[in-house]
């Protein structure tokens, strides 16, 4: 009767639309939406640990090849926590970029 022709198809359609809505939310987990995963913080933590590991092994020549540079405003605002700096290769930075280590400017090595 009317139950099999109206209620059951309506419940099936509602369930499929719910699955579609969930799939749309999970489709791009690394985007810019509020519920997306924040990758900038784990990357910064990995950079800190890599630099610490270089210091721990005593490879000061490799440590000297990297500096902490000020992050651009658009990158700093994308993270859940504001990121102020990122690890950069000294050779990849231009002369006018601001390189900081513990708040002190770092002279270029060129």
Foldseek 3Di string as FASTA:
>chain_A
DVCVVPVVVVVVVVVVVVVVVVCVVVVCQCDQDPNHDFPPVVQQVVQVVVLVVCVVVPVVVVNVQKFWFADDPVVQVSGPHGDGTHIDGLVPDDQPTFTDDPRDTDHRDD
